[in-house]
Amino acid sequence: MAAMKCVVLGGAGFIGSHLVERLLQAGHAVRVFDLQDRGAAGHLPAGGDIEWVRGSFLDPRDLRAAVEGCDAAFHLAWTTLPKSSIEDPRADVESNVLGTLRLLEAWRRNGAGKIVFVSSGGTVYGVPRSVPITEEHPTHPITSYGITKLAVEKYLELYRVLHGMDYCVLRVANPFGERQRVASGQGAVTAFLHRAHRGEPIEIWGDGRVVRDYLYVGDVADALARALDYRGERRIINIGGGVGRDLNEIADAIERVIGRAIERRHAPGRKFDVPANVLDIRLARAELGWQPATPFEEGLKRTLRGLDRAGVRPASR
């Protein structure tokens, strides 16, 4: 496909920064829209056709400036995590759902090229009836985070029906990798690895048997880039590792990677954690030609190197 001008909303963040790199490598021009200024995101590449627009996802004027003149948009701007969404569901709705509606209005007025939205394969389905979970599985989220992600999916379809807006939703499982913000509590894999690298104990919720589907962030960025080129009829596609691992297995794998035992402490289980979530990714293979390319422990090693580059000091041996 010919090179396009793409806006990545949330482009300085964890997944967004990896996507920006992937789009630049493919020859696209990229506009990064984020609250951070460029100086706070030194990991973004200096070369390539990249433009920086600093602004708020909640400000309609900022959103209009962000999308003006772009051919495609990637919506990764989100203000909550599953835990924080439960603590303040009203703020979750006001920032993420209303913010997205402002974005869709700005995008419609811009000419309504393709928009790719990162939804949550880990929360929109709720407690699964069976695993692996296909895209046709019922959606009964038990967190505000999952409810608002699902609401945005529905509004995208509404704008397709009313205004002909082209879109693709990727329901992404549990990504991990370099640049993930451990301070926010985002991502068990990276949080565990960060603490283990520093010689600190890790905290496991419940008995550690909660099963999740984890995949390396570089593979997520590849799936998003492929969604830009996708011209098929499927609007919603699962993106996951296709393999379930519980928290105890994650800790075991981290021990193998860092070469020493780690202290494990158990905390009470969380009410919003479903017992198991593993995505069926056959549709992604068939429609996008995508599948995860990074073995789990290789992803751990890359994440560990990223912690070293970020100045995280390892424990003395």
C-alpha atoms as a PDB file:
ATOM      1  CA  MET A   1       0.000   0.000   0.000  1.00  0.00           C
ATOM      2  CA  ALA A   2       1.096   3.558  -0.717  1.00  0.00           C
ATOM      3  CA  ALA A   3       2.513   5.584   2.143  1.00  0.00           C
ATOM      4  CA  MET A   4      -0.083   7.398   4.229  1.00  0.00           C
ATOM      5  CA  LYS A   5      -0.136  10.071   6.883  1.00  0.00           C
ATOM      6  CA  CYS A   6      -1.201   8.395  10.125  1.00  0.00           C
ATOM      7  CA  VAL A   7      -2.070   9.968  13.443  1.00  0.00           C
ATOM      8  CA  VAL A   8      -1.377   7.826  16.511  1.00  0.00           C
ATOM      9  CA  LEU A   9      -3.411   9.064  19.465  1.00  0.00           C
ATOM     10  CA  GLY A  10      -1.441   8.050  22.532  1.00  0.00           C
ATOM     11  CA  GLY A  11       1.649   7.656  20.383  1.00  0.00           C
ATOM     12  CA  ALA A  12       4.119   8.373  23.197  1.00  0.00           C
ATOM     13  CA  GLY A  13       2.755   5.551  25.329  1.00  0.00           C
ATOM     14  CA  PHE A  14       3.676   1.908  25.701  1.00  0.00           C
ATOM     15  CA  ILE A  15       1.995   0.328  22.669  1.00  0.00           C
ATOM     16  CA  GLY A  16       1.816   3.613  20.773  1.00  0.00           C
ATOM     17  CA  SER A  17       5.565   4.214  20.711  1.00  0.00           C
ATOM     18  CA  HIS A  18       6.213   0.740  19.318  1.00  0.00           C
ATOM     19  CA  LEU A  19       3.525   1.303  16.695  1.00  0.00           C
ATOM     20  CA  VAL A  20       5.079   4.626  15.672  1.00  0.00           C
ATOM     21  CA  GLU A  21       8.387   2.872  15.058  1.00  0.00           C
ATOM     22  CA  ARG A  22       6.653   0.167  13.004  1.00  0.00           C
ATOM     23  CA  LEU A  23       4.775   2.696  10.845  1.00  0.00           C
ATOM     24  CA  LEU A  24       7.916   4.726  10.177  1.00  0.00           C
ATOM     25  CA  GLN A  25       9.749   1.563   9.153  1.00  0.00           C
ATOM     26  CA  ALA A  26       6.935   0.894   6.652  1.00  0.00           C
ATOM     27  CA  GLY A  27       7.450   4.327   5.105  1.00  0.00           C
ATOM     28  CA  HIS A  28       4.379   6.099   6.500  1.00  0.00           C
ATOM     29  CA  ALA A  29       4.355   9.657   7.794  1.00  0.00           C
ATOM     30  CA  VAL A  30       3.352   9.706  11.468  1.00  0.00           C
ATOM     31  CA  ARG A  31       1.805  12.385  13.629  1.00  0.00           C
ATOM     32  CA  VAL A  32       2.124  11.608  17.338  1.00  0.00           C
ATOM     33  CA  PHE A  33      -0.661  13.036  19.492  1.00  0.00           C
ATOM     34  CA  ASP A  34      -0.101  12.818  23.236  1.00  0.00           C
ATOM     35  CA  LEU A  35      -0.185  14.751  26.486  1.00  0.00           C
ATOM     36  CA  GLN A  36       3.581  14.387  26.806  1.00  0.00           C
ATOM     37  CA  ASP A  37       5.943  16.684  24.987  1.00  0.00           C
ATOM     38  CA  ARG A  38       8.612  15.169  22.817  1.00  0.00           C
ATOM     39  CA  GLY A  39      11.333  15.667  25.393  1.00  0.00           C
ATOM     40  CA  ALA A  40       9.522  13.302  27.756  1.00  0.00           C
ATOM     41  CA  ALA A  41       9.459  10.568  25.149  1.00  0.00           C
ATOM     42  CA  GLY A  42      13.085  10.229  24.097  1.00  0.00           C
ATOM     43  CA  HIS A  43      12.506   6.639  23.042  1.00  0.00           C
ATOM     44  CA  LEU A  44      10.686   7.786  19.907  1.00  0.00           C
ATOM     45  CA  PRO A  45      12.881   7.807  16.794  1.00  0.00           C
ATOM     46  CA  ALA A  46      14.474  11.065  15.733  1.00  0.00           C
ATOM     47  CA  GLY A  47      14.528  10.203  12.029  1.00  0.00           C
ATOM     48  CA  GLY A  48      11.723   9.550   9.583  1.00  0.00           C
ATOM     49  CA  ASP A  49       8.676  11.597   8.720  1.00  0.00           C
ATOM     50  CA  ILE A  50       7.409  12.208  12.255  1.00  0.00           C
ATOM     51  CA  GLU A  51       5.433  15.146  13.605  1.00  0.00           C
ATOM     52  CA  TRP A  52       4.571  15.925  17.204  1.00  0.00           C
ATOM     53  CA  VAL A  53       1.280  17.418  18.404  1.00  0.00           C
ATOM     54  CA  ARG A  54       0.896  17.882  22.121  1.00  0.00           C
ATOM     55  CA  GLY A  55      -2.651  18.079  23.415  1.00  0.00           C
ATOM     56  CA  SER A  56      -5.469  16.625  25.474  1.00  0.00           C
ATOM     57  CA  PHE A  57      -7.749  13.829  24.349  1.00  0.00           C
ATOM     58  CA  LEU A  58     -10.541  15.662  26.203  1.00  0.00           C
ATOM     59  CA  ASP A  59     -10.194  18.927  24.265  1.00  0.00           C
ATOM     60  CA  PRO A  60     -12.176  19.045  20.976  1.00  0.00           C
ATOM     61  CA  ARG A  61      -9.874  21.726  19.566  1.00  0.00           C
ATOM     62  CA  ASP A  62      -6.806  19.598  20.247  1.00  0.00           C
ATOM     63  CA  LEU A  63      -8.465  16.609  18.605  1.00  0.00           C
ATOM     64  CA  ARG A  64      -9.337  18.599  15.490  1.00  0.00           C
ATOM     65  CA  ALA A  65      -5.724  19.717  15.213  1.00  0.00           C
ATOM     66  CA  ALA A  66      -4.527  16.159  15.758  1.00  0.00           C
ATOM     67  CA  VAL A  67      -6.499  14.582  12.913  1.00  0.00           C
ATOM     68  CA  GLU A  68      -6.422  17.383  10.345  1.00  0.00           C
ATOM     69  CA  GLY A  69      -4.971  16.233   7.048  1.00  0.00           C
ATOM     70  CA  CYS A  70      -4.417  12.607   8.107  1.00  0.00           C
ATOM     71  CA  ASP A  71      -5.386   9.558   6.064  1.00  0.00           C
ATOM     72  CA  ALA A  72      -5.679   7.075   8.928  1.00  0.00           C
ATOM     73  CA  ALA A  73      -5.953   7.160  12.714  1.00  0.00           C
ATOM     74  CA  PHE A  74      -4.921   4.749  15.465  1.00  0.00           C
ATOM     75  CA  HIS A  75      -6.892   5.217  18.670  1.00  0.00           C
ATOM     76  CA  LEU A  76      -4.735   4.156  21.630  1.00  0.00           C
ATOM     77  CA  ALA A  77      -5.549   7.084  23.932  1.00  0.00           C
ATOM     78  CA  TRP A  78      -7.106   5.738  27.142  1.00  0.00           C
ATOM     79  CA  THR A  79      -7.083   7.213  30.616  1.00  0.00           C
ATOM     80  CA  THR A  80      -7.852   4.196  32.832  1.00  0.00           C
ATOM     81  CA  LEU A  81      -6.803   0.662  33.717  1.00  0.00           C
ATOM     82  CA  PRO A  82      -9.206  -2.082  34.857  1.00  0.00           C
ATOM     83  CA  LYS A  83      -8.575  -1.332  38.537  1.00  0.00           C
ATOM     84  CA  SER A  84      -8.824   2.459  38.257  1.00  0.00           C
ATOM     85  CA  SER A  85     -11.954   2.194  36.099  1.00  0.00           C
ATOM     86  CA  ILE A  86     -13.735   0.360  38.904  1.00  0.00           C
ATOM     87  CA  GLU A  87     -12.652   2.941  41.455  1.00  0.00           C
ATOM     88  CA  ASP A  88     -14.173   5.782  39.399  1.00  0.00           C
ATOM     89  CA  PRO A  89     -16.441   4.515  36.603  1.00  0.00           C
ATOM     90  CA  ARG A  90     -17.897   7.970  35.982  1.00  0.00           C
ATOM     91  CA  ALA A  91     -14.462   9.365  35.141  1.00  0.00           C
ATOM     92  CA  ASP A  92     -13.887   6.339  32.923  1.00  0.00           C
ATOM     93  CA  VAL A  93     -17.014   7.117  30.903  1.00  0.00           C
ATOM     94  CA  GLU A  94     -16.479  10.881  30.815  1.00  0.00           C
ATOM     95  CA  SER A  95     -12.891  10.662  29.636  1.00  0.00           C
ATOM     96  CA  ASN A  96     -12.875   7.612  27.382  1.00  0.00           C
ATOM     97  CA  VAL A  97     -16.363   7.304  25.909  1.00  0.00           C
ATOM     98  CA  LEU A  98     -17.096  11.015  25.564  1.00  0.00           C
ATOM     99  CA  GLY A  99     -13.516  11.647  24.472  1.00  0.00           C
ATOM    100  CA  THR A 100     -13.888   9.045  21.737  1.00  0.00           C
ATOM    101  CA  LEU A 101     -17.157  10.572  20.546  1.00  0.00           C
ATOM    102  CA  ARG A 102     -15.361  13.907  20.191  1.00  0.00           C
ATOM    103  CA  LEU A 103     -12.644  12.118  18.253  1.00  0.00           C
ATOM    104  CA  LEU A 104     -15.170  10.461  15.925  1.00  0.00           C
ATOM    105  CA  GLU A 105     -16.814  13.807  15.212  1.00  0.00           C
ATOM    106  CA  ALA A 106     -13.442  15.392  14.452  1.00  0.00           C
ATOM    107  CA  TRP A 107     -12.504  12.407  12.300  1.00  0.00           C
ATOM    108  CA  ARG A 108     -15.789  12.521  10.380  1.00  0.00           C
ATOM    109  CA  ARG A 109     -15.242  16.174   9.562  1.00  0.00           C
ATOM    110  CA  ASN A 110     -11.656  15.416   8.510  1.00  0.00           C
ATOM    111  CA  GLY A 111     -12.843  13.094   5.741  1.00  0.00           C
ATOM    112  CA  ALA A 112     -13.229   9.856   7.703  1.00  0.00           C
ATOM    113  CA  GLY A 113     -10.370   7.676   6.537  1.00  0.00           C
ATOM    114  CA  LYS A 114      -9.724   4.396   8.344  1.00  0.00           C
ATOM    115  CA  ILE A 115      -9.561   4.304  12.128  1.00  0.00           C
ATOM    116  CA  VAL A 116      -8.001   1.401  14.042  1.00  0.00           C
ATOM    117  CA  PHE A 117      -9.035   1.010  17.674  1.00  0.00           C
ATOM    118  CA  VAL A 118      -7.220  -0.964  20.368  1.00  0.00           C
ATOM    119  CA  SER A 119      -9.899  -2.703  22.411  1.00  0.00           C
ATOM    120  CA  SER A 120      -9.409  -5.166  25.267  1.00  0.00           C
ATOM    121  CA  GLY A 121      -9.498  -8.880  24.579  1.00  0.00           C
ATOM    122  CA  GLY A 122      -8.812  -9.398  28.263  1.00  0.00           C
ATOM    123  CA  THR A 123     -11.940  -7.647  29.576  1.00  0.00           C
ATOM    124  CA  VAL A 124     -14.745  -7.260  27.002  1.00  0.00           C
ATOM    125  CA  TYR A 125     -15.718 -10.948  27.101  1.00  0.00           C
ATOM    126  CA  GLY A 126     -16.058 -11.193  30.891  1.00  0.00           C
ATOM    127  CA  VAL A 127     -16.114 -14.667  32.433  1.00  0.00           C
ATOM    128  CA  PRO A 128     -15.593 -17.003  29.454  1.00  0.00           C
ATOM    129  CA  ARG A 129     -17.963 -19.840  28.706  1.00  0.00           C
ATOM    130  CA  SER A 130     -15.142 -21.651  26.956  1.00  0.00           C
ATOM    131  CA  VAL A 131     -11.514 -21.052  26.003  1.00  0.00           C
ATOM    132  CA  PRO A 132      -9.943 -20.164  23.702  1.00  0.00           C
ATOM    133  CA  ILE A 133     -12.357 -17.258  23.199  1.00  0.00           C
ATOM    134  CA  THR A 134     -13.495 -16.486  19.657  1.00  0.00           C
ATOM    135  CA  GLU A 135     -14.733 -13.128  18.422  1.00  0.00           C
ATOM    136  CA  GLU A 136     -18.296 -14.510  18.462  1.00  0.00           C
ATOM    137  CA  HIS A 137     -18.171 -15.188  22.205  1.00  0.00           C
ATOM    138  CA  PRO A 138     -20.781 -13.160  24.181  1.00  0.00           C
ATOM    139  CA  THR A 139     -19.501  -9.921  25.689  1.00  0.00           C
ATOM    140  CA  HIS A 140     -20.323  -9.491  29.375  1.00  0.00           C
ATOM    141  CA  PRO A 141     -17.503  -7.389  30.859  1.00  0.00           C
ATOM    142  CA  ILE A 142     -17.245  -7.171  34.652  1.00  0.00           C
ATOM    143  CA  THR A 143     -15.100  -4.022  34.782  1.00  0.00           C
ATOM    144  CA  SER A 144     -15.941  -0.479  33.747  1.00  0.00           C
ATOM    145  CA  TYR A 145     -12.797  -0.655  31.586  1.00  0.00           C
ATOM    146  CA  GLY A 146     -14.291  -3.496  29.544  1.00  0.00           C
ATOM    147  CA  ILE A 147     -17.691  -1.809  29.354  1.00  0.00           C
ATOM    148  CA  THR A 148     -16.270   1.435  27.988  1.00  0.00           C
ATOM    149  CA  LYS A 149     -14.026  -0.382  25.496  1.00  0.00           C
ATOM    150  CA  LEU A 150     -17.092  -2.260  24.264  1.00  0.00           C
ATOM    151  CA  ALA A 151     -19.108   0.955  24.093  1.00  0.00           C
ATOM    152  CA  VAL A 152     -16.478   2.494  21.806  1.00  0.00           C
ATOM    153  CA  GLU A 153     -16.670  -0.584  19.563  1.00  0.00           C
ATOM    154  CA  LYS A 154     -20.437  -0.035  19.274  1.00  0.00           C
ATOM    155  CA  TYR A 155     -20.047   3.657  18.462  1.00  0.00           C
ATOM    156  CA  LEU A 156     -17.544   2.841  15.743  1.00  0.00           C
ATOM    157  CA  GLU A 157     -20.134   0.573  14.141  1.00  0.00           C
ATOM    158  CA  LEU A 158     -22.775   3.295  14.505  1.00  0.00           C
ATOM    159  CA  TYR A 159     -20.536   5.779  12.693  1.00  0.00           C
ATOM    160  CA  ARG A 160     -19.936   3.206   9.954  1.00  0.00           C
ATOM    161  CA  VAL A 161     -23.688   2.796   9.453  1.00  0.00           C
ATOM    162  CA  LEU A 162     -24.500   6.511   9.633  1.00  0.00           C
ATOM    163  CA  HIS A 163     -21.451   8.026   7.964  1.00  0.00           C
ATOM    164  CA  GLY A 164     -19.619   5.231   6.140  1.00  0.00           C
ATOM    165  CA  MET A 165     -16.610   5.431   8.474  1.00  0.00           C
ATOM    166  CA  ASP A 166     -14.114   2.625   7.885  1.00  0.00           C
ATOM    167  CA  TYR A 167     -12.731   1.018  11.036  1.00  0.00           C
ATOM    168  CA  CYS A 168     -11.071  -2.060  12.462  1.00  0.00           C
ATOM    169  CA  VAL A 169     -11.081  -3.132  16.126  1.00  0.00           C
ATOM    170  CA  LEU A 170      -8.262  -5.248  17.509  1.00  0.00           C
ATOM    171  CA  ARG A 171      -9.142  -6.914  20.810  1.00  0.00           C
ATOM    172  CA  VAL A 172      -5.672  -7.185  22.286  1.00  0.00           C
ATOM    173  CA  ALA A 173      -4.863  -9.604  25.108  1.00  0.00           C
ATOM    174  CA  ASN A 174      -2.156  -8.748  27.692  1.00  0.00           C
ATOM    175  CA  PRO A 175       0.869  -7.080  26.087  1.00  0.00           C
ATOM    176  CA  PHE A 176       4.222  -6.735  27.800  1.00  0.00           C
ATOM    177  CA  GLY A 177       7.594  -5.336  26.844  1.00  0.00           C
ATOM    178  CA  GLU A 178       9.896  -2.341  26.940  1.00  0.00           C
ATOM    179  CA  ARG A 179       8.475   1.039  28.044  1.00  0.00           C
ATOM    180  CA  GLN A 180       5.555  -0.406  29.943  1.00  0.00           C
ATOM    181  CA  ARG A 181       4.855   1.755  32.988  1.00  0.00           C
ATOM    182  CA  VAL A 182       5.397  -0.424  36.027  1.00  0.00           C
ATOM    183  CA  ALA A 183       4.599   2.423  38.437  1.00  0.00           C
ATOM    184  CA  SER A 184       0.986   2.450  37.256  1.00  0.00           C
ATOM    185  CA  GLY A 185       0.514  -1.241  37.994  1.00  0.00           C
ATOM    186  CA  GLN A 186       0.045  -1.875  34.290  1.00  0.00           C
ATOM    187  CA  GLY A 187       0.971  -5.403  33.234  1.00  0.00           C
ATOM    188  CA  ALA A 188       1.777  -8.283  35.569  1.00  0.00           C
ATOM    189  CA  VAL A 189       4.657  -9.592  33.447  1.00  0.00           C
ATOM    190  CA  THR A 190       6.629  -6.353  33.314  1.00  0.00           C
ATOM    191  CA  ALA A 191       5.814  -5.485  36.937  1.00  0.00           C
ATOM    192  CA  PHE A 192       7.016  -8.912  38.116  1.00  0.00           C
ATOM    193  CA  LEU A 193      10.163  -8.683  35.987  1.00  0.00           C
ATOM    194  CA  HIS A 194      10.947  -5.184  37.244  1.00  0.00           C
ATOM    195  CA  ARG A 195      10.739  -6.220  40.906  1.00  0.00           C
ATOM    196  CA  ALA A 196      12.618  -9.471  40.347  1.00  0.00           C
ATOM    197  CA  HIS A 197      15.404  -7.639  38.509  1.00  0.00           C
ATOM    198  CA  ARG A 198      15.822  -5.351  41.524  1.00  0.00           C
ATOM    199  CA  GLY A 199      15.833  -8.283  43.923  1.00  0.00           C
ATOM    200  CA  GLU A 200      12.460  -7.374  45.392  1.00  0.00           C
ATOM    201  CA  PRO A 201       9.603  -9.786  46.170  1.00  0.00           C
ATOM    202  CA  ILE A 202       6.711 -10.083  43.738  1.00  0.00           C
ATOM    203  CA  GLU A 203       3.080  -9.954  44.821  1.00  0.00           C
ATOM    204  CA  ILE A 204       0.779 -12.630  43.418  1.00  0.00           C
ATOM    205  CA  TRP A 205      -2.983 -12.223  43.674  1.00  0.00           C
ATOM    206  CA  GLY A 206      -4.719 -15.195  45.249  1.00  0.00           C
ATOM    207  CA  ASP A 207      -3.210 -18.601  44.587  1.00  0.00           C
ATOM    208  CA  GLY A 208      -1.592 -17.471  41.316  1.00  0.00           C
ATOM    209  CA  ARG A 209      -3.764 -19.697  39.159  1.00  0.00           C
ATOM    210  CA  VAL A 210      -5.450 -16.879  37.248  1.00  0.00           C
ATOM    211  CA  VAL A 211      -4.693 -17.644  33.575  1.00  0.00           C
ATOM    212  CA  ARG A 212      -4.062 -14.925  31.011  1.00  0.00           C
ATOM    213  CA  ASP A 213      -2.930 -14.626  27.407  1.00  0.00           C
ATOM    214  CA  TYR A 214       0.329 -12.662  27.139  1.00  0.00           C
ATOM    215  CA  LEU A 215       2.156 -11.411  24.061  1.00  0.00           C
ATOM    216  CA  TYR A 216       5.144  -9.228  23.307  1.00  0.00           C
ATOM    217  CA  VAL A 217       4.379  -5.602  22.412  1.00  0.00           C
ATOM    218  CA  GLY A 218       6.323  -5.723  19.139  1.00  0.00           C
ATOM    219  CA  ASP A 219       3.876  -8.346  17.896  1.00  0.00           C
ATOM    220  CA  VAL A 220       0.972  -6.076  18.841  1.00  0.00           C
ATOM    221  CA  ALA A 221       2.503  -3.229  16.841  1.00  0.00           C
ATOM    222  CA  ASP A 222       2.841  -5.548  13.841  1.00  0.00           C
ATOM    223  CA  ALA A 223      -0.835  -6.520  14.090  1.00  0.00           C
ATOM    224  CA  LEU A 224      -1.893  -2.867  14.213  1.00  0.00           C
ATOM    225  CA  ALA A 225       0.181  -2.020  11.160  1.00  0.00           C
ATOM    226  CA  ARG A 226      -1.395  -4.934   9.295  1.00  0.00           C
ATOM    227  CA  ALA A 227      -4.866  -3.722  10.269  1.00  0.00           C
ATOM    228  CA  LEU A 228      -4.118  -0.468   8.446  1.00  0.00           C
ATOM    229  CA  ASP A 229      -3.689  -2.399   5.194  1.00  0.00           C
ATOM    230  CA  TYR A 230      -6.575  -4.807   5.826  1.00  0.00           C
ATOM    231  CA  ARG A 231      -9.474  -4.522   3.386  1.00  0.00           C
ATOM    232  CA  GLY A 232     -11.536  -7.542   4.429  1.00  0.00           C
ATOM    233  CA  GLU A 233     -15.019  -7.530   5.914  1.00  0.00           C
ATOM    234  CA  ARG A 234     -14.207  -8.474   9.498  1.00  0.00           C
ATOM    235  CA  ARG A 235     -14.393  -5.511  11.844  1.00  0.00           C
ATOM    236  CA  ILE A 236     -13.323  -7.161  15.111  1.00  0.00           C
ATOM    237  CA  ILE A 237     -10.243  -9.383  15.418  1.00  0.00           C
ATOM    238  CA  ASN A 238      -8.586 -10.966  18.456  1.00  0.00           C
ATOM    239  CA  ILE A 239      -4.866 -10.377  18.943  1.00  0.00           C
ATOM    240  CA  GLY A 240      -3.200 -12.589  21.546  1.00  0.00           C
ATOM    241  CA  GLY A 241      -0.462 -15.072  22.215  1.00  0.00           C
ATOM    242  CA  GLY A 242      -2.900 -17.969  21.879  1.00  0.00           C
ATOM    243  CA  VAL A 243      -1.419 -19.654  24.976  1.00  0.00           C
ATOM    244  CA  GLY A 244      -2.606 -19.338  28.572  1.00  0.00           C
ATOM    245  CA  ARG A 245      -0.157 -18.881  31.449  1.00  0.00           C
ATOM    246  CA  ASP A 246      -0.953 -18.434  35.113  1.00  0.00           C
ATOM    247  CA  LEU A 247       0.919 -16.084  37.457  1.00  0.00           C
ATOM    248  CA  ASN A 248       2.943 -18.919  38.965  1.00  0.00           C
ATOM    249  CA  GLU A 249       4.166 -19.917  35.505  1.00  0.00           C
ATOM    250  CA  ILE A 250       5.092 -16.290  34.804  1.00  0.00           C
ATOM    251  CA  ALA A 251       7.203 -16.234  37.969  1.00  0.00           C
ATOM    252  CA  ASP A 252       8.868 -19.536  36.991  1.00  0.00           C
ATOM    253  CA  ALA A 253       9.758 -18.150  33.548  1.00  0.00           C
ATOM    254  CA  ILE A 254      11.208 -14.979  35.072  1.00  0.00           C
ATOM    255  CA  GLU A 255      13.411 -17.056  37.366  1.00  0.00           C
ATOM    256  CA  ARG A 256      14.781 -18.894  34.340  1.00  0.00           C
ATOM    257  CA  VAL A 257      15.513 -15.630  32.525  1.00  0.00           C
ATOM    258  CA  ILE A 258      17.238 -13.829  35.423  1.00  0.00           C
ATOM    259  CA  GLY A 259      18.959 -16.980  36.651  1.00  0.00           C
ATOM    260  CA  ARG A 260      17.912 -16.889  40.293  1.00  0.00           C
ATOM    261  CA  ALA A 261      14.964 -17.573  42.587  1.00  0.00           C
ATOM    262  CA  ILE A 262      12.571 -14.757  43.442  1.00  0.00           C
ATOM    263  CA  GLU A 263      10.569 -14.247  46.596  1.00  0.00           C
ATOM    264  CA  ARG A 264       6.824 -14.663  46.099  1.00  0.00           C
ATOM    265  CA  ARG A 265       4.221 -13.095  48.346  1.00  0.00           C
ATOM    266  CA  HIS A 266       0.514 -13.746  48.039  1.00  0.00           C
ATOM    267  CA  ALA A 267      -2.191 -11.090  48.323  1.00  0.00           C
ATOM    268  CA  PRO A 268      -5.976 -11.577  48.322  1.00  0.00           C
ATOM    269  CA  GLY A 269      -7.518 -12.315  44.945  1.00  0.00           C
ATOM    270  CA  ARG A 270      -9.260  -9.493  43.063  1.00  0.00           C
ATOM    271  CA  LYS A 271     -13.003  -9.630  42.419  1.00  0.00           C
ATOM    272  CA  PHE A 272     -12.696  -8.347  38.864  1.00  0.00           C
ATOM    273  CA  ASP A 273     -10.228 -11.055  37.764  1.00  0.00           C
ATOM    274  CA  VAL A 274     -11.892 -13.716  35.631  1.00  0.00           C
ATOM    275  CA  PRO A 275     -10.379 -17.181  36.212  1.00  0.00           C
ATOM    276  CA  ALA A 276      -9.064 -17.624  32.676  1.00  0.00           C
ATOM    277  CA  ASN A 277      -8.775 -15.616  29.478  1.00  0.00           C
ATOM    278  CA  VAL A 278      -7.088 -17.024  26.353  1.00  0.00           C
ATOM    279  CA  LEU A 279      -7.951 -15.662  22.921  1.00  0.00           C
ATOM    280  CA  ASP A 280      -8.577 -17.658  19.777  1.00  0.00           C
ATOM    281  CA  ILE A 281      -6.364 -15.991  17.143  1.00  0.00           C
ATOM    282  CA  ARG A 282      -7.281 -18.061  14.083  1.00  0.00           C
ATOM    283  CA  LEU A 283      -9.108 -15.111  12.539  1.00  0.00           C
ATOM    284  CA  ALA A 284      -6.019 -12.910  12.853  1.00  0.00           C
ATOM    285  CA  ARG A 285      -4.001 -15.557  11.022  1.00  0.00           C
ATOM    286  CA  ALA A 286      -6.589 -15.894   8.255  1.00  0.00           C
ATOM    287  CA  GLU A 287      -7.512 -12.225   7.777  1.00  0.00           C
ATOM    288  CA  LEU A 288      -4.365 -10.286   8.696  1.00  0.00           C
ATOM    289  CA  GLY A 289      -1.752 -12.928   7.948  1.00  0.00           C
ATOM    290  CA  TRP A 290      -0.574 -12.284  11.498  1.00  0.00           C
ATOM    291  CA  GLN A 291       0.561 -14.474  14.331  1.00  0.00           C
ATOM    292  CA  PRO A 292       2.809 -13.805  17.339  1.00  0.00           C
ATOM    293  CA  ALA A 293       6.429 -14.092  16.254  1.00  0.00           C
ATOM    294  CA  THR A 294       8.214 -13.595  19.587  1.00  0.00           C
ATOM    295  CA  PRO A 295       8.512 -16.576  21.982  1.00  0.00           C
ATOM    296  CA  PHE A 296       7.448 -15.685  25.502  1.00  0.00           C
ATOM    297  CA  GLU A 297      10.873 -16.001  27.142  1.00  0.00           C
ATOM    298  CA  GLU A 298      12.510 -14.077  24.300  1.00  0.00           C
ATOM    299  CA  GLY A 299      10.031 -11.295  25.022  1.00  0.00           C
ATOM    300  CA  LEU A 300      11.063 -11.421  28.676  1.00  0.00           C
ATOM    301  CA  LYS A 301      14.715 -11.051  27.700  1.00  0.00           C
ATOM    302  CA  ARG A 302      13.950  -8.021  25.507  1.00  0.00           C
ATOM    303  CA  THR A 303      11.941  -6.474  28.325  1.00  0.00           C
ATOM    304  CA  LEU A 304      14.809  -7.070  30.723  1.00  0.00           C
ATOM    305  CA  ARG A 305      17.241  -5.344  28.364  1.00  0.00           C
ATOM    306  CA  GLY A 306      14.775  -2.475  28.175  1.00  0.00           C
ATOM    307  CA  LEU A 307      14.812  -2.162  31.965  1.00  0.00           C
ATOM    308  CA  ASP A 308      18.615  -1.994  31.861  1.00  0.00           C
ATOM    309  CA  ARG A 309      18.527   0.757  29.238  1.00  0.00           C
ATOM    310  CA  ALA A 310      16.010   2.653  31.359  1.00  0.00           C
ATOM    311  CA  GLY A 311      18.449   2.625  34.251  1.00  0.00           C
ATOM    312  CA  VAL A 312      16.733   0.056  36.460  1.00  0.00           C
ATOM    313  CA  ARG A 313      19.535  -1.215  38.698  1.00  0.00           C
ATOM    314  CA  PRO A 314      19.702  -4.995  39.120  1.00  0.00           C
ATOM    315  CA  ALA A 315      20.090  -6.626  42.490  1.00  0.00           C
ATOM    316  CA  SER A 316      23.655  -7.431  43.482  1.00  0.00           C
ATOM    317  CA  ARG A 317      24.414 -11.120  43.377  1.00  0.00           C
END
